Amino acid sequence: TVGSVSCIGHDWEDIPDFLGAKYGEVARRLDLSFNQLRSLKGLKAFSQLEELIVDNNLLGNDLRLPRLPRLHTLTLNKNQFTDIEALLEHLVEVTPALEYLSLLGNEACPNQLVSMDKDEDDYQRYRYFVLHKLTNLKFLDTRKVTQSERSEAEARGAFMKVVKPKNDQDTASDLRSESTVTSYTPLPRGSKDARNHKGVFTKCRYVYYGKHSEGNRFIRNDQL
C-alpha cells in the first residue's frame, strides 16, 4: 500500500481526478505544495487521509474540505487567508481529529515576521481565538499548545479575534508588496523551494509524482 503521495510544483489549479482514483483509498499523507490551487474539491476521494500539506497555493477564505475523519495534521502556510473564522468553524465540522494546524505566511496569521505592524500580543490573541474554536489542537503553527493557553482560550478566546480595519486595504497591499521582495520567512528554509520542500515526516512507502522524477534527478540532458 502507498502511505505518502507528493505532487509538488505542477501549477495545478484543481486536484486532477486521476490522483484520487489511483491513490484516494490508500494515501495517508498528501503533499500538494507549490501549486496554484484555489479549491480542494478533489480531496473527496481521499477518505483515509491523516496528513495534508497544501503550502504555497492560492487558497482563500472560501476553502471547503470534504469530511476527513482521520486527518490530524493540516498545514496551509503561505496561502491567501485574510479572515479565518469561517475556516475554523468549517474545520470543527469536517476534521474532528485535527491536532496540528499551521497558517503561517497568511494575512490572517498576525505574525511580526510577515507584517511589521503586528507584535507578539497580536499573535497571542490569534492563538487564543484559534484554540477557542479548535479545542483539540496540540500544535498551532510552530509552537506547542500550553495548558495556560488552553485555559485562557476557554475563558476569553471568543473575544480575541483580530479584526482588520475595512479602510486598511492600501496599507495591507503595501505590506504584501514588502513581504514579496524580502527573502525572510517564518517558515522553514525548505518551504521556500519547491525542489527542497520539507513537510511532515512519516515512516511509510513514498510515491513522488512530480517534475523531478528519480530518473531525471541523476541523468542530465548532456549525459544522454
Protein backbone atom coordinates (compact mmCIF):
# COMPACT_ATOMS: atom_id res chain seq x y z
CA THR A 1 0.00 0.00 0.00
CA VAL A 2 1.05 3.60 -0.59
CA GLY A 3 1.35 5.76 2.52
CA SER A 4 2.58 9.10 1.20
CA VAL A 5 1.90 10.89 -2.09
CA SER A 6 3.70 14.08 -3.12
CA CYS A 7 2.55 16.26 -6.02
CA ILE A 8 4.68 19.38 -5.72
CA GLY A 9 5.14 22.20 -8.20
CA HIS A 10 2.75 21.27 -11.04
CA ASP A 11 0.92 24.63 -11.19
CA TRP A 12 -2.33 22.70 -10.81
CA GLU A 13 -5.41 24.87 -10.34
CA ASP A 14 -7.52 21.85 -9.36
CA ILE A 15 -6.74 18.40 -7.99
CA PRO A 16 -6.89 16.07 -11.03
CA ASP A 17 -9.37 13.20 -10.97
CA PHE A 18 -6.74 10.56 -11.70
CA LEU A 19 -4.97 11.32 -8.44
CA GLY A 20 -7.97 10.37 -6.32
CA ALA A 21 -8.79 7.38 -8.49
CA LYS A 22 -5.27 5.98 -8.12
CA TYR A 23 -4.33 6.90 -4.54
CA GLY A 24 -7.52 8.07 -2.80
CA GLU A 25 -8.23 4.90 -0.86
CA VAL A 26 -4.64 4.17 0.21
CA ALA A 27 -2.93 7.55 0.78
CA ARG A 28 -2.40 8.57 4.40
CA ARG A 29 -0.31 11.66 3.64
CA LEU A 30 -0.71 14.06 0.71
CA ASP A 31 1.55 17.00 -0.18
CA LEU A 32 0.15 19.43 -2.78
CA SER A 33 2.51 22.33 -2.08
CA PHE A 34 3.70 24.84 -4.69
CA ASN A 35 0.70 24.58 -6.99
CA GLN A 36 -1.98 27.14 -7.98
CA LEU A 37 -4.87 25.52 -6.10
CA ARG A 38 -7.89 27.67 -5.29
CA SER A 39 -10.08 24.71 -4.35
CA LEU A 40 -9.62 21.28 -2.75
CA LYS A 41 -12.74 19.65 -4.18
CA GLY A 42 -10.72 16.69 -5.47
CA LEU A 43 -9.96 15.57 -1.91
CA LYS A 44 -13.29 13.79 -1.59
CA ALA A 45 -11.70 10.54 -2.78
CA PHE A 46 -9.02 10.67 -0.04
CA SER A 47 -11.18 9.31 2.77
CA GLN A 48 -8.26 7.80 4.75
CA LEU A 49 -6.10 10.94 4.77
CA GLU A 50 -4.24 11.69 8.02
CA GLU A 51 -1.83 14.44 6.93
CA LEU A 52 -2.45 17.16 4.35
CA ILE A 53 0.22 19.67 3.27
CA VAL A 54 -1.04 22.47 0.99
CA ASP A 55 1.59 25.18 1.47
CA ASN A 56 2.24 27.87 -1.15
CA ASN A 57 -1.06 27.79 -3.03
CA LEU A 58 -3.91 30.28 -3.66
CA LEU A 59 -6.46 29.00 -1.13
CA GLY A 60 -8.67 31.65 0.46
CA ASN A 61 -11.43 32.29 2.97
CA ASP A 62 -13.97 30.26 0.98
CA LEU A 63 -11.99 26.99 1.33
CA ARG A 64 -14.15 23.90 1.79
CA LEU A 65 -12.92 20.41 2.61
CA PRO A 66 -14.75 17.10 2.44
CA ARG A 67 -15.19 15.33 5.76
CA LEU A 68 -11.81 13.84 6.69
CA PRO A 69 -12.39 11.97 9.98
CA ARG A 70 -8.77 10.75 10.33
CA LEU A 71 -6.96 13.99 9.46
CA HIS A 72 -4.73 15.06 12.36
CA THR A 73 -2.26 17.35 10.54
CA LEU A 74 -3.11 20.26 8.23
CA THR A 75 -0.67 22.90 7.01
CA LEU A 76 -1.94 25.83 4.95
CA ASN A 77 1.15 28.04 5.12
CA LYS A 78 1.54 30.84 2.58
CA ASN A 79 -1.93 30.93 1.07
CA GLN A 80 -4.43 33.82 0.88
CA PHE A 81 -6.44 33.61 4.09
CA THR A 82 -7.37 37.03 5.43
CA ASP A 83 -10.14 36.01 7.87
CA ILE A 84 -10.01 32.58 9.48
CA GLU A 85 -13.23 32.49 11.50
CA ALA A 86 -15.23 30.72 8.78
CA LEU A 87 -12.30 28.35 8.13
CA LEU A 88 -12.04 27.39 11.81
CA GLU A 89 -15.77 26.75 12.12
CA HIS A 90 -15.60 24.60 8.99
CA LEU A 91 -12.65 22.60 10.33
CA VAL A 92 -14.58 21.85 13.52
CA GLU A 93 -17.19 20.12 11.37
CA VAL A 94 -15.05 18.24 8.86
CA THR A 95 -11.77 17.45 10.71
CA PRO A 96 -12.76 16.23 14.21
CA ALA A 97 -9.36 14.57 14.81
CA LEU A 98 -7.26 17.65 13.93
CA GLU A 99 -4.33 18.17 16.31
CA TYR A 100 -1.77 20.14 14.28
CA LEU A 101 -2.61 23.25 12.25
CA SER A 102 -0.25 25.75 10.64
CA LEU A 103 -1.32 29.03 8.99
CA LEU A 104 1.98 30.92 8.86
CA GLY A 105 2.50 33.31 5.99
CA ASN A 106 -1.20 34.21 5.69
CA GLU A 107 -2.53 37.69 6.36
CA ALA A 108 -4.92 36.13 8.88
CA CYS A 109 -1.96 34.96 10.96
CA PRO A 110 -0.69 38.22 12.54
CA ASN A 111 2.99 37.43 12.86
CA GLN A 112 5.69 40.09 13.07
CA LEU A 113 7.77 38.23 10.52
CA VAL A 114 5.02 38.72 7.92
CA SER A 115 3.68 42.14 8.87
CA MET A 116 5.81 44.68 10.72
CA ASP A 117 2.76 46.39 12.25
CA LYS A 118 1.96 43.23 14.25
CA ASP A 119 3.52 42.25 17.54
CA GLU A 120 3.60 39.26 19.86
CA ASP A 121 0.39 40.37 21.56
CA ASP A 122 -1.45 40.28 18.22
CA TYR A 123 -0.12 36.81 17.54
CA GLN A 124 -1.04 35.57 21.01
CA ARG A 125 -4.60 36.85 20.63
CA TYR A 126 -4.78 35.00 17.34
CA ARG A 127 -3.67 31.82 19.09
CA TYR A 128 -6.32 32.21 21.79
CA PHE A 129 -9.00 32.70 19.17
CA VAL A 130 -7.93 29.63 17.15
CA LEU A 131 -7.72 27.48 20.29
CA HIS A 132 -11.15 28.65 21.38
CA LYS A 133 -12.54 27.29 18.11
CA LEU A 134 -10.36 24.18 17.78
CA THR A 135 -10.20 22.83 21.32
CA ASN A 136 -8.30 19.62 20.45
CA LEU A 137 -5.24 21.26 18.87
CA LYS A 138 -1.87 20.23 20.32
CA PHE A 139 0.29 22.33 17.99
CA LEU A 140 -0.50 25.65 16.30
CA ASP A 141 1.98 26.94 13.73
CA THR A 142 5.43 26.25 15.18
CA ARG A 143 4.52 26.15 18.86
CA LYS A 144 3.06 23.52 21.13
CA VAL A 145 -0.21 24.49 22.81
CA THR A 146 0.33 25.03 26.54
CA GLN A 147 -2.17 24.34 29.29
CA SER A 148 -2.23 28.03 30.24
CA GLU A 149 -3.06 28.94 26.64
CA ARG A 150 -5.84 26.39 26.61
CA SER A 151 -7.32 27.80 29.81
CA GLU A 152 -7.12 31.39 28.56
CA ALA A 153 -8.66 30.37 25.23
CA GLU A 154 -11.56 28.70 27.00
CA ALA A 155 -12.18 31.73 29.20
CA ARG A 156 -11.65 34.62 26.79
CA GLY A 157 -10.78 33.25 23.37
CA ALA A 158 -14.14 34.23 21.88
CA PHE A 159 -13.22 37.91 22.36
CA MET A 160 -9.71 37.63 20.92
CA LYS A 161 -10.47 37.80 17.21
CA VAL A 162 -8.06 40.13 15.43
CA VAL A 163 -10.18 42.42 13.25
CA LYS A 164 -8.68 44.13 10.23
CA PRO A 165 -9.98 47.67 9.58
CA LYS A 166 -12.01 47.86 6.37
CA ASN A 167 -10.23 51.02 5.21
CA ASP A 168 -6.79 49.48 5.52
CA GLN A 169 -6.59 48.00 2.03
CA ASP A 170 -3.80 50.23 0.81
CA THR A 171 -1.66 49.54 3.85
CA ALA A 172 -2.25 45.82 3.52
CA SER A 173 -1.27 45.99 -0.14
CA ASP A 174 1.98 47.77 0.74
CA LEU A 175 2.75 45.20 3.40
CA ARG A 176 2.16 42.36 0.97
CA SER A 177 4.47 44.03 -1.52
CA GLU A 178 7.18 44.32 1.12
CA SER A 179 6.76 40.70 2.08
CA THR A 180 7.16 39.74 -1.60
CA VAL A 181 10.57 41.32 -2.03
CA THR A 182 12.03 40.18 1.27
CA SER A 183 13.74 36.82 1.46
CA TYR A 184 12.90 36.38 5.15
CA THR A 185 10.12 33.98 6.05
CA PRO A 186 8.79 32.43 9.28
CA LEU A 187 8.65 29.05 7.56
CA PRO A 188 11.48 26.50 7.45
CA ARG A 189 14.01 27.24 4.74
CA GLY A 190 12.92 24.19 2.77
CA SER A 191 9.42 25.58 2.33
CA LYS A 192 10.71 28.34 0.06
CA ASP A 193 11.98 25.95 -2.58
CA ALA A 194 9.67 23.57 -4.39
CA ARG A 195 12.62 21.34 -5.14
CA ASN A 196 13.52 21.05 -1.46
CA HIS A 197 10.14 21.19 0.23
CA LYS A 198 10.01 19.82 3.76
CA GLY A 199 6.66 18.78 5.12
CA VAL A 200 5.81 16.44 7.95
CA PHE A 201 7.96 13.35 8.28
CA THR A 202 6.37 9.92 8.22
CA LYS A 203 7.59 6.36 8.02
CA CYS A 204 5.82 4.75 5.09
CA ARG A 205 6.20 3.89 1.44
CA TYR A 206 6.56 7.08 -0.56
CA VAL A 207 5.27 7.87 -4.03
CA TYR A 208 6.60 11.02 -5.65
CA TYR A 209 4.58 12.37 -8.57
CA GLY A 210 6.43 15.45 -9.73
CA LYS A 211 8.63 17.15 -12.28
CA HIS A 212 11.76 15.90 -10.56
CA SER A 213 11.45 12.15 -11.03
CA GLU A 214 14.03 9.69 -9.74
CA GLY A 215 15.31 9.12 -13.29
CA ASN A 216 15.69 12.80 -14.15
CA ARG A 217 17.32 13.51 -10.82
CA PHE A 218 20.54 11.68 -11.72
CA ILE A 219 20.70 11.86 -15.55
CA ARG A 220 21.31 15.23 -17.18
CA ASN A 221 20.46 16.02 -20.79
CA ASP A 222 24.14 16.25 -21.71
CA GLN A 223 24.64 12.70 -20.44
CA LEU A 224 22.04 11.19 -22.79
